[in-house]
C-alpha cells in the first residue's frame, strides 16, 4: 500500500467514525429526526417525512372558543 492509499483509508475511516458518532449523540439527546430542521418540534408539525419540502405548521385545535 502506498502512502496515498493509507491516507485515503484513514480519511474514510474518520468520516464514517464521526458520522456514526454524530448519529449516536443525536439519538442519545432524543432527536427523532436527525437532520430535520424542526427535529425537536416534530409533534407541532406534520412529521418529518422524507421529502425536502418545508414542514407545514399544524395549528392546535381548541374547543369552546
Protein backbone atom coordinates (compact mmCIF):
# COMPACT_ATOMS: atom_id res chain seq x y z
CA UNK A 1 0.00 0.00 0.00
CA UNK A 2 1.23 3.42 -0.89
CA UNK A 3 1.09 6.44 1.39
CA UNK A 4 -1.77 7.87 -0.70
CA UNK A 5 -3.85 4.75 -0.13
CA UNK A 6 -3.16 4.82 3.61
CA UNK A 7 -4.19 8.48 3.82
CA UNK A 8 -7.38 7.80 1.85
CA UNK A 9 -8.30 4.84 4.07
CA UNK A 10 -7.67 6.85 7.24
CA UNK A 11 -9.79 9.73 5.90
CA UNK A 12 -12.68 7.38 5.07
CA UNK A 13 -12.49 5.70 8.46
CA UNK A 14 -12.56 9.09 10.20
CA UNK A 15 -15.56 10.25 8.14
CA UNK A 16 -17.51 7.09 8.97
CA UNK A 17 -16.48 7.30 12.64
CA UNK A 18 -17.63 10.91 13.04
CA UNK A 19 -20.89 10.25 11.14
CA UNK A 20 -21.74 7.34 13.43
CA UNK A 21 -20.73 9.37 16.49
CA UNK A 22 -22.99 12.26 15.40
CA UNK A 23 -25.96 9.95 14.89
CA UNK A 24 -25.35 8.25 18.23
CA UNK A 25 -25.12 11.57 20.12
CA UNK A 26 -28.29 12.93 18.48
CA UNK A 27 -30.24 9.76 19.30
CA UNK A 28 -28.95 9.94 22.88
CA UNK A 29 -30.29 13.51 23.10
CA UNK A 30 -33.68 12.24 21.96
CA UNK A 31 -33.76 13.74 18.49
CA UNK A 32 -36.32 11.80 16.48
CA UNK A 33 -35.50 13.11 13.00
CA UNK A 34 -31.77 13.74 12.64
CA UNK A 35 -31.10 16.47 10.10
CA UNK A 36 -34.68 17.71 10.18
CA UNK A 37 -34.86 21.49 10.69
CA UNK A 38 -37.66 21.07 13.25
CA UNK A 39 -36.29 17.88 14.79
CA UNK A 40 -37.17 18.88 18.33
CA UNK A 41 -40.69 20.01 17.42
CA UNK A 42 -41.99 17.39 15.00
CA UNK A 43 -45.12 16.97 17.12
CA UNK A 44 -46.07 20.58 16.22
CA UNK A 45 -45.69 19.85 12.53
CA UNK A 46 -46.94 17.19 10.13
CA UNK A 47 -43.99 14.96 10.99
CA UNK A 48 -40.59 14.88 9.42
CA UNK A 49 -41.40 12.70 6.43
CA UNK A 50 -38.80 12.03 3.80
CA UNK A 51 -39.41 14.90 1.42
CA UNK A 52 -37.28 18.01 1.26
CA UNK A 53 -40.31 20.31 1.31
CA UNK A 54 -40.75 22.61 4.29
CA UNK A 55 -42.97 21.38 7.07
CA UNK A 56 -46.46 22.78 7.42
CA UNK A 57 -47.32 24.09 10.85
CA UNK A 58 -50.31 22.33 12.40
CA UNK A 59 -52.47 24.68 14.43
CA UNK A 60 -53.51 23.32 17.77
CA UNK A 61 -57.28 22.86 17.97
CA UNK A 62 -59.08 24.33 20.94
CA UNK A 63 -62.72 23.72 21.67
CA UNK A 64 -65.19 26.17 23.16
CA UNK A 65 -63.67 29.39 21.88
